[in-house]
Amino acid sequence: MGALNALLDKPNTVMPSEQDTKLATESSRILSAIEATEATNEFRVRLDGGEVLRLPSAVKTLLMHLLTEMSRGNAVTIIPIHAELTTQEAADFLNVSRPYLIGLLEKGEVKFHMVGTHRRIKFEDLASYKEKKDRKSEEALLELTNQAQELDMGY
């Protein structure tokens, strides 16, 4: 629980209230129906004062992810791709124990470097590992589904 508290104590972590969750759900539905202006590759938001805020179109995708997580009541934080994580932060991100993560590091499955006597993992490398792991899991699930269908198991 200490690592979770440390995450929630970070200044850029937001824990949505019940009202925030409801508003995020409503906002994400509205936002998903809006298209970015393709000609200028931008996303526009009209502020309360009537001023139009021009944002890169990629902001819409990030905002959708943010609102989706908030609508589920999840705490949200932004981690720059170049950020370096401690082994505990990396383990929390992968939802594994710290000893298990250290095993992955020692096997060379996830890149890391030493800062003094401490291991540091670039978020970019960790995200790459997670993506590969998730892709393998999806492929295995698809294979099992196909086998179940071939065997007429009712799936």
N, C-alpha and C. Protein backbone atom coordinates (compact mmCIF):
# COMPACT_ATOMS: atom_id res chain seq x y z
N MET A 1 0.83 -1.20 0.00
CA MET A 1 0.00 0.00 0.00
C MET A 1 0.87 1.25 0.00
N GLY A 2 2.11 1.14 0.47
CA GLY A 2 3.00 2.28 0.52
C GLY A 2 3.28 2.84 -0.85
N ALA A 3 3.47 1.96 -1.86
CA ALA A 3 3.75 2.43 -3.22
C ALA A 3 2.54 3.16 -3.80
N LEU A 4 1.35 2.65 -3.51
CA LEU A 4 0.14 3.32 -4.00
C LEU A 4 0.03 4.70 -3.37
N ASN A 5 0.29 4.79 -2.08
CA ASN A 5 0.24 6.10 -1.42
C ASN A 5 1.28 7.04 -1.99
N ALA A 6 2.46 6.50 -2.31
CA ALA A 6 3.51 7.34 -2.90
C ALA A 6 3.05 7.86 -4.26
N LEU A 7 2.38 7.02 -5.03
CA LEU A 7 1.88 7.44 -6.34
C LEU A 7 0.82 8.53 -6.18
N LEU A 8 -0.09 8.33 -5.25
CA LEU A 8 -1.17 9.30 -5.05
C LEU A 8 -0.66 10.62 -4.48
N ASP A 9 0.50 10.58 -3.83
CA ASP A 9 1.07 11.81 -3.27
C ASP A 9 1.80 12.65 -4.32
N LYS A 10 2.04 12.09 -5.51
CA LYS A 10 2.74 12.85 -6.54
C LYS A 10 1.85 14.01 -6.98
N PRO A 11 2.43 15.18 -7.24
CA PRO A 11 1.63 16.36 -7.55
C PRO A 11 0.83 16.24 -8.85
N ASN A 12 1.24 15.39 -9.79
CA ASN A 12 0.51 15.29 -11.04
C ASN A 12 -0.45 14.10 -11.08
N THR A 13 -0.73 13.49 -9.91
CA THR A 13 -1.68 12.39 -9.83
C THR A 13 -3.03 12.93 -9.38
N VAL A 14 -4.07 12.52 -10.08
CA VAL A 14 -5.42 12.98 -9.77
C VAL A 14 -6.28 11.78 -9.40
N MET A 15 -6.89 11.83 -8.24
CA MET A 15 -7.84 10.81 -7.81
C MET A 15 -9.23 11.41 -7.96
N PRO A 16 -10.03 10.91 -8.92
CA PRO A 16 -11.32 11.53 -9.17
C PRO A 16 -12.34 11.28 -8.06
N SER A 17 -13.12 12.31 -7.77
CA SER A 17 -14.22 12.17 -6.83
C SER A 17 -15.38 11.50 -7.55
N GLU A 18 -16.44 11.20 -6.84
CA GLU A 18 -17.62 10.59 -7.47
C GLU A 18 -18.20 11.53 -8.52
N GLN A 19 -18.23 12.83 -8.21
CA GLN A 19 -18.74 13.82 -9.15
C GLN A 19 -17.82 13.89 -10.39
N ASP A 20 -16.50 13.84 -10.17
CA ASP A 20 -15.55 13.85 -11.28
C ASP A 20 -15.78 12.65 -12.19
N THR A 21 -16.04 11.49 -11.59
CA THR A 21 -16.26 10.26 -12.35
C THR A 21 -17.48 10.41 -13.27
N LYS A 22 -18.55 10.95 -12.73
CA LYS A 22 -19.77 11.13 -13.53
C LYS A 22 -19.53 12.14 -14.66
N LEU A 23 -18.88 13.24 -14.34
CA LEU A 23 -18.59 14.27 -15.34
C LEU A 23 -17.65 13.73 -16.42
N ALA A 24 -16.65 12.92 -16.01
CA ALA A 24 -15.72 12.33 -16.97
C ALA A 24 -16.45 11.39 -17.93
N THR A 25 -17.40 10.62 -17.41
CA THR A 25 -18.19 9.72 -18.26
C THR A 25 -18.97 10.51 -19.30
N GLU A 26 -19.65 11.54 -18.86
CA GLU A 26 -20.43 12.39 -19.76
C GLU A 26 -19.53 13.08 -20.79
N SER A 27 -18.43 13.62 -20.32
CA SER A 27 -17.51 14.35 -21.21
C SER A 27 -16.87 13.42 -22.24
N SER A 28 -16.50 12.21 -21.84
CA SER A 28 -15.87 11.30 -22.80
C SER A 28 -16.84 10.90 -23.89
N ARG A 29 -18.12 10.76 -23.57
CA ARG A 29 -19.12 10.44 -24.60
C ARG A 29 -19.24 11.58 -25.61
N ILE A 30 -19.27 12.79 -25.11
CA ILE A 30 -19.37 13.95 -26.00
C ILE A 30 -18.11 14.08 -26.85
N LEU A 31 -16.96 13.94 -26.21
CA LEU A 31 -15.69 14.08 -26.91
C LEU A 31 -15.49 13.02 -27.99
N SER A 32 -15.95 11.81 -27.74
CA SER A 32 -15.76 10.74 -28.72
C SER A 32 -16.52 11.00 -30.01
N ALA A 33 -17.56 11.82 -29.93
CA ALA A 33 -18.36 12.14 -31.12
C ALA A 33 -17.78 13.29 -31.94
N ILE A 34 -16.79 13.97 -31.39
CA ILE A 34 -16.20 15.13 -32.06
C ILE A 34 -14.98 14.72 -32.86
N GLU A 35 -14.90 15.19 -34.08
CA GLU A 35 -13.74 14.90 -34.92
C GLU A 35 -12.74 16.05 -34.83
N ALA A 36 -11.45 15.71 -34.85
CA ALA A 36 -10.41 16.75 -34.92
C ALA A 36 -10.45 17.36 -36.31
N THR A 37 -10.10 18.60 -36.41
CA THR A 37 -10.07 19.27 -37.71
C THR A 37 -8.88 18.73 -38.48
N GLU A 38 -9.16 17.89 -39.49
CA GLU A 38 -8.10 17.21 -40.21
C GLU A 38 -7.25 18.15 -41.05
N ALA A 39 -7.85 19.18 -41.61
CA ALA A 39 -7.11 20.09 -42.49
C ALA A 39 -5.97 20.77 -41.75
N THR A 40 -6.20 21.13 -40.50
CA THR A 40 -5.17 21.82 -39.73
C THR A 40 -4.51 20.92 -38.71
N ASN A 41 -4.98 19.66 -38.63
CA ASN A 41 -4.43 18.70 -37.68
C ASN A 41 -4.47 19.25 -36.26
N GLU A 42 -5.61 19.85 -35.91
CA GLU A 42 -5.75 20.41 -34.57
C GLU A 42 -7.10 20.04 -33.98
N PHE A 43 -7.19 20.22 -32.69
CA PHE A 43 -8.39 19.96 -31.91
C PHE A 43 -8.72 21.27 -31.22
N ARG A 44 -9.95 21.73 -31.36
CA ARG A 44 -10.33 23.03 -30.80
C ARG A 44 -11.32 22.87 -29.65
N VAL A 45 -11.09 23.68 -28.62
CA VAL A 45 -11.96 23.68 -27.44
C VAL A 45 -12.36 25.13 -27.17
N ARG A 46 -13.66 25.36 -27.00
CA ARG A 46 -14.14 26.71 -26.69
C ARG A 46 -14.22 26.84 -25.17
N LEU A 47 -13.52 27.82 -24.64
CA LEU A 47 -13.49 28.06 -23.20
C LEU A 47 -14.72 28.86 -22.77
N ASP A 48 -14.98 28.92 -21.47
CA ASP A 48 -16.15 29.62 -20.94
C ASP A 48 -16.24 31.07 -21.42
N GLY A 49 -15.12 31.74 -21.55
CA GLY A 49 -15.12 33.14 -21.98
C GLY A 49 -15.32 33.29 -23.48
N GLY A 50 -15.47 32.18 -24.21
CA GLY A 50 -15.67 32.25 -25.64
C GLY A 50 -14.40 32.09 -26.45
N GLU A 51 -13.26 32.18 -25.80
CA GLU A 51 -11.98 32.02 -26.48
C GLU A 51 -11.82 30.58 -26.97
N VAL A 52 -11.26 30.40 -28.18
CA VAL A 52 -11.05 29.07 -28.74
C VAL A 52 -9.60 28.67 -28.51
N LEU A 53 -9.44 27.54 -27.88
CA LEU A 53 -8.12 26.99 -27.60
C LEU A 53 -7.79 25.97 -28.69
N ARG A 54 -6.70 26.23 -29.43
CA ARG A 54 -6.27 25.33 -30.51
C ARG A 54 -5.20 24.40 -29.95
N LEU A 55 -5.46 23.09 -30.03
CA LEU A 55 -4.55 22.10 -29.48
C LEU A 55 -4.14 21.10 -30.56
N PRO A 56 -3.00 20.46 -30.42
CA PRO A 56 -2.64 19.40 -31.37
C PRO A 56 -3.70 18.30 -31.33
N SER A 57 -3.99 17.68 -32.46
CA SER A 57 -5.05 16.67 -32.52
C SER A 57 -4.76 15.49 -31.58
N ALA A 58 -3.49 15.22 -31.30
CA ALA A 58 -3.15 14.12 -30.40
C ALA A 58 -3.69 14.35 -28.98
N VAL A 59 -3.95 15.60 -28.63
CA VAL A 59 -4.49 15.91 -27.31
C VAL A 59 -5.85 15.26 -27.12
N LYS A 60 -6.63 15.16 -28.19
CA LYS A 60 -7.95 14.53 -28.09
C LYS A 60 -7.80 13.08 -27.65
N THR A 61 -6.85 12.37 -28.23
CA THR A 61 -6.64 10.97 -27.87
C THR A 61 -6.22 10.85 -26.40
N LEU A 62 -5.30 11.71 -25.98
CA LEU A 62 -4.86 11.69 -24.59
C LEU A 62 -6.00 12.03 -23.64
N LEU A 63 -6.79 13.02 -24.03
CA LEU A 63 -7.93 13.43 -23.21
C LEU A 63 -8.96 12.31 -23.11
N MET A 64 -9.17 11.58 -24.19
CA MET A 64 -10.11 10.45 -24.16
C MET A 64 -9.61 9.38 -23.18
N HIS A 65 -8.32 9.07 -23.22
CA HIS A 65 -7.77 8.09 -22.28
C HIS A 65 -7.93 8.57 -20.84
N LEU A 66 -7.62 9.83 -20.62
CA LEU A 66 -7.73 10.42 -19.30
C LEU A 66 -9.17 10.34 -18.78
N LEU A 67 -10.12 10.76 -19.60
CA LEU A 67 -11.52 10.74 -19.18
C LEU A 67 -12.04 9.33 -18.97
N THR A 68 -11.60 8.39 -19.80
CA THR A 68 -12.04 7.01 -19.65
C THR A 68 -11.58 6.45 -18.31
N GLU A 69 -10.33 6.69 -17.97
CA GLU A 69 -9.81 6.20 -16.68
C GLU A 69 -10.51 6.88 -15.51
N MET A 70 -10.72 8.19 -15.63
CA MET A 70 -11.41 8.91 -14.56
C MET A 70 -12.85 8.42 -14.42
N SER A 71 -13.51 8.12 -15.54
CA SER A 71 -14.90 7.64 -15.48
C SER A 71 -15.00 6.30 -14.77
N ARG A 72 -13.90 5.55 -14.74
CA ARG A 72 -13.85 4.27 -14.04
C ARG A 72 -13.45 4.45 -12.58
N GLY A 73 -13.18 5.71 -12.19
CA GLY A 73 -12.80 5.99 -10.81
C GLY A 73 -11.32 5.75 -10.54
N ASN A 74 -10.53 5.59 -11.59
CA ASN A 74 -9.10 5.31 -11.41
C ASN A 74 -8.31 6.59 -11.21
N ALA A 75 -7.28 6.50 -10.38
CA ALA A 75 -6.34 7.61 -10.23
C ALA A 75 -5.57 7.74 -11.54
N VAL A 76 -5.26 8.95 -11.92
CA VAL A 76 -4.59 9.20 -13.20
C VAL A 76 -3.34 10.04 -12.94
N THR A 77 -2.26 9.65 -13.59
CA THR A 77 -1.03 10.43 -13.53
C THR A 77 -0.41 10.45 -14.92
N ILE A 78 0.39 11.44 -15.18
CA ILE A 78 1.07 11.55 -16.47
C ILE A 78 2.54 11.26 -16.24
N ILE A 79 3.07 10.32 -17.04
CA ILE A 79 4.48 9.96 -16.93
C ILE A 79 5.14 10.26 -18.27
N PRO A 80 6.10 11.16 -18.31
CA PRO A 80 6.80 11.41 -19.57
C PRO A 80 7.51 10.14 -20.04
N ILE A 81 7.55 9.92 -21.33
CA ILE A 81 8.14 8.71 -21.90
C ILE A 81 9.61 8.56 -21.51
N HIS A 82 10.31 9.66 -21.28
CA HIS A 82 11.73 9.60 -20.92
C HIS A 82 11.95 9.43 -19.40
N ALA A 83 10.88 9.35 -18.64
CA ALA A 83 11.00 9.25 -17.18
C ALA A 83 11.71 7.96 -16.79
N GLU A 84 12.40 8.03 -15.67
CA GLU A 84 13.04 6.85 -15.11
C GLU A 84 12.31 6.48 -13.83
N LEU A 85 12.01 5.19 -13.69
CA LEU A 85 11.25 4.71 -12.56
C LEU A 85 12.11 3.88 -11.62
N THR A 86 11.75 3.87 -10.36
CA THR A 86 12.38 2.97 -9.42
C THR A 86 11.82 1.57 -9.68
N THR A 87 12.42 0.57 -9.08
CA THR A 87 11.91 -0.79 -9.28
C THR A 87 10.50 -0.93 -8.71
N GLN A 88 10.20 -0.24 -7.62
CA GLN A 88 8.85 -0.34 -7.06
C GLN A 88 7.82 0.33 -7.97
N GLU A 89 8.16 1.50 -8.51
CA GLU A 89 7.25 2.18 -9.43
C GLU A 89 7.01 1.33 -10.68
N ALA A 90 8.09 0.72 -11.19
CA ALA A 90 7.98 -0.13 -12.38
C ALA A 90 7.12 -1.36 -12.08
N ALA A 91 7.32 -1.96 -10.92
CA ALA A 91 6.52 -3.13 -10.53
C ALA A 91 5.06 -2.75 -10.40
N ASP A 92 4.79 -1.59 -9.82
CA ASP A 92 3.41 -1.12 -9.70
C ASP A 92 2.78 -0.91 -11.07
N PHE A 93 3.54 -0.35 -12.01
CA PHE A 93 3.03 -0.12 -13.36
C PHE A 93 2.66 -1.44 -14.03
N LEU A 94 3.49 -2.48 -13.85
CA LEU A 94 3.21 -3.78 -14.45
C LEU A 94 2.24 -4.62 -13.63
N ASN A 95 1.93 -4.14 -12.42
CA ASN A 95 1.06 -4.85 -11.50
C ASN A 95 1.66 -6.21 -11.12
N VAL A 96 2.95 -6.18 -10.80
CA VAL A 96 3.67 -7.37 -10.34
C VAL A 96 4.42 -7.01 -9.07
N SER A 97 4.95 -8.02 -8.41
CA SER A 97 5.73 -7.74 -7.20
C SER A 97 7.11 -7.20 -7.59
N ARG A 98 7.72 -6.51 -6.67
CA ARG A 98 9.05 -5.98 -6.91
C ARG A 98 10.06 -7.11 -7.14
N PRO A 99 10.04 -8.20 -6.33
CA PRO A 99 10.97 -9.30 -6.60
C PRO A 99 10.79 -9.92 -7.99
N TYR A 100 9.55 -10.03 -8.44
CA TYR A 100 9.30 -10.56 -9.78
C TYR A 100 9.90 -9.64 -10.83
N LEU A 101 9.72 -8.33 -10.66
CA LEU A 101 10.29 -7.37 -11.61
C LEU A 101 11.82 -7.47 -11.62
N ILE A 102 12.42 -7.58 -10.46
CA ILE A 102 13.89 -7.69 -10.40
C ILE A 102 14.35 -8.93 -11.15
N GLY A 103 13.58 -10.00 -11.06
CA GLY A 103 13.89 -11.20 -11.85
C GLY A 103 13.87 -10.92 -13.34
N LEU A 104 12.88 -10.15 -13.79
CA LEU A 104 12.80 -9.78 -15.20
C LEU A 104 14.01 -8.95 -15.61
N LEU A 105 14.42 -8.05 -14.73
CA LEU A 105 15.58 -7.20 -15.01
C LEU A 105 16.84 -8.05 -15.12
N GLU A 106 17.01 -8.96 -14.17
CA GLU A 106 18.21 -9.79 -14.16
C GLU A 106 18.27 -10.76 -15.32
N LYS A 107 17.11 -11.18 -15.83
CA LYS A 107 17.06 -12.07 -17.01
C LYS A 107 17.27 -11.28 -18.30
N GLY A 108 17.26 -9.95 -18.20
CA GLY A 108 17.45 -9.12 -19.39
C GLY A 108 16.17 -8.90 -20.19
N GLU A 109 15.02 -9.21 -19.61
CA GLU A 109 13.75 -9.03 -20.32
C GLU A 109 13.32 -7.56 -20.35
N VAL A 110 13.78 -6.80 -19.39
CA VAL A 110 13.51 -5.36 -19.35
C VAL A 110 14.86 -4.66 -19.14
N LYS A 111 15.12 -3.66 -19.98
CA LYS A 111 16.37 -2.91 -19.85
C LYS A 111 16.34 -2.05 -18.59
N PHE A 112 17.51 -1.87 -18.01
CA PHE A 112 17.65 -0.97 -16.86
C PHE A 112 19.09 -0.51 -16.78
N HIS A 113 19.34 0.45 -15.92
CA HIS A 113 20.70 0.88 -15.65
C HIS A 113 20.81 1.17 -14.15
N MET A 114 22.04 1.24 -13.71
CA MET A 114 22.28 1.45 -12.29
C MET A 114 22.58 2.93 -12.03
N VAL A 115 22.03 3.43 -10.95
CA VAL A 115 22.36 4.77 -10.45
C VAL A 115 22.88 4.51 -9.04
N GLY A 116 24.19 4.49 -8.94
CA GLY A 116 24.79 4.07 -7.68
C GLY A 116 24.48 2.59 -7.48
N THR A 117 23.80 2.27 -6.39
CA THR A 117 23.43 0.88 -6.12
C THR A 117 21.97 0.59 -6.47
N HIS A 118 21.29 1.55 -7.09
CA HIS A 118 19.86 1.41 -7.39
C HIS A 118 19.61 1.19 -8.88
N ARG A 119 18.67 0.31 -9.15
CA ARG A 119 18.26 0.07 -10.53
C ARG A 119 17.24 1.14 -10.94
N ARG A 120 17.36 1.61 -12.17
CA ARG A 120 16.39 2.55 -12.74
C ARG A 120 15.96 2.03 -14.10
N ILE A 121 14.67 2.14 -14.37
CA ILE A 121 14.09 1.64 -15.61
C ILE A 121 13.47 2.81 -16.35
N LYS A 122 13.82 2.96 -17.61
CA LYS A 122 13.19 4.00 -18.41
C LYS A 122 11.76 3.58 -18.69
N PHE A 123 10.84 4.52 -18.54
CA PHE A 123 9.44 4.22 -18.77
C PHE A 123 9.24 3.69 -20.19
N GLU A 124 9.96 4.25 -21.12
CA GLU A 124 9.88 3.83 -22.52
C GLU A 124 10.18 2.33 -22.65
N ASP A 125 11.21 1.84 -21.98
CA ASP A 125 11.56 0.42 -22.03
C ASP A 125 10.51 -0.44 -21.33
N LEU A 126 9.99 0.06 -20.22
CA LEU A 126 8.97 -0.68 -19.48
C LEU A 126 7.69 -0.78 -20.30
N ALA A 127 7.29 0.33 -20.92
CA ALA A 127 6.09 0.33 -21.75
C ALA A 127 6.26 -0.62 -22.94
N SER A 128 7.45 -0.67 -23.51
CA SER A 128 7.73 -1.56 -24.63
C SER A 128 7.59 -3.02 -24.18
N TYR A 129 8.14 -3.36 -23.02
CA TYR A 129 8.02 -4.71 -22.48
C TYR A 129 6.54 -5.06 -22.26
N LYS A 130 5.80 -4.13 -21.66
CA LYS A 130 4.37 -4.38 -21.37
C LYS A 130 3.59 -4.59 -22.66
N GLU A 131 3.90 -3.80 -23.66
CA GLU A 131 3.21 -3.93 -24.95
C GLU A 131 3.47 -5.31 -25.56
N LYS A 132 4.74 -5.76 -25.52
CA LYS A 132 5.07 -7.09 -26.05
C LYS A 132 4.36 -8.18 -25.26
N LYS A 133 4.35 -8.05 -23.95
CA LYS A 133 3.69 -9.03 -23.08
C LYS A 133 2.19 -9.08 -23.36
N ASP A 134 1.58 -7.91 -23.48
CA ASP A 134 0.15 -7.84 -23.76
C ASP A 134 -0.18 -8.44 -25.13
N ARG A 135 0.68 -8.16 -26.11
CA ARG A 135 0.47 -8.69 -27.46
C ARG A 135 0.55 -10.22 -27.45
N LYS A 136 1.53 -10.78 -26.72
CA LYS A 136 1.66 -12.24 -26.62
C LYS A 136 0.44 -12.84 -25.94
N SER A 137 -0.06 -12.17 -24.90
CA SER A 137 -1.25 -12.66 -24.20
C SER A 137 -2.46 -12.67 -25.12
N GLU A 138 -2.62 -11.60 -25.91
CA GLU A 138 -3.74 -11.53 -26.85
C GLU A 138 -3.63 -12.62 -27.91
N GLU A 139 -2.42 -12.87 -28.41
CA GLU A 139 -2.22 -13.92 -29.41
C GLU A 139 -2.55 -15.29 -28.83
N ALA A 140 -2.14 -15.54 -27.59
CA ALA A 140 -2.43 -16.82 -26.94
C ALA A 140 -3.94 -16.98 -26.73
N LEU A 141 -4.59 -15.92 -26.34
CA LEU A 141 -6.04 -15.97 -26.14
C LEU A 141 -6.76 -16.23 -27.45
N LEU A 142 -6.32 -15.59 -28.51
CA LEU A 142 -6.90 -15.81 -29.83
C LEU A 142 -6.71 -17.26 -30.27
N GLU A 143 -5.52 -17.80 -30.03
CA GLU A 143 -5.25 -19.19 -30.39
C GLU A 143 -6.15 -20.14 -29.61
N LEU A 144 -6.31 -19.89 -28.31
CA LEU A 144 -7.21 -20.72 -27.49
C LEU A 144 -8.64 -20.62 -27.96
N THR A 145 -9.06 -19.42 -28.33
CA THR A 145 -10.42 -19.22 -28.83
C THR A 145 -10.63 -19.99 -30.12
N ASN A 146 -9.65 -19.90 -31.02
CA ASN A 146 -9.74 -20.63 -32.29
C ASN A 146 -9.81 -22.14 -32.06
N GLN A 147 -8.99 -22.65 -31.14
CA GLN A 147 -9.01 -24.07 -30.82
C GLN A 147 -10.36 -24.49 -30.25
N ALA A 148 -10.91 -23.66 -29.37
CA ALA A 148 -12.21 -23.97 -28.78
C ALA A 148 -13.29 -24.00 -29.84
N GLN A 149 -13.22 -23.09 -30.81
CA GLN A 149 -14.21 -23.09 -31.89
C GLN A 149 -14.05 -24.30 -32.79
N GLU A 150 -12.79 -24.69 -33.09
CA GLU A 150 -12.54 -25.86 -33.92
C GLU A 150 -13.05 -27.12 -33.25
N LEU A 151 -12.96 -27.19 -31.92
CA LEU A 151 -13.42 -28.34 -31.17
C LEU A 151 -14.90 -28.26 -30.81
N ASP A 152 -15.55 -27.20 -31.31
CA ASP A 152 -16.98 -26.99 -31.07
C ASP A 152 -17.33 -27.05 -29.57
N MET A 153 -16.61 -26.23 -28.82
CA MET A 153 -16.80 -26.22 -27.37
C MET A 153 -17.85 -25.20 -26.93
N GLY A 154 -18.57 -24.63 -27.87
CA GLY A 154 -19.66 -23.74 -27.51
C GLY A 154 -19.25 -22.30 -27.32
N TYR A 155 -18.06 -21.90 -27.80
CA TYR A 155 -17.61 -20.52 -27.67
C TYR A 155 -17.75 -19.81 -28.98
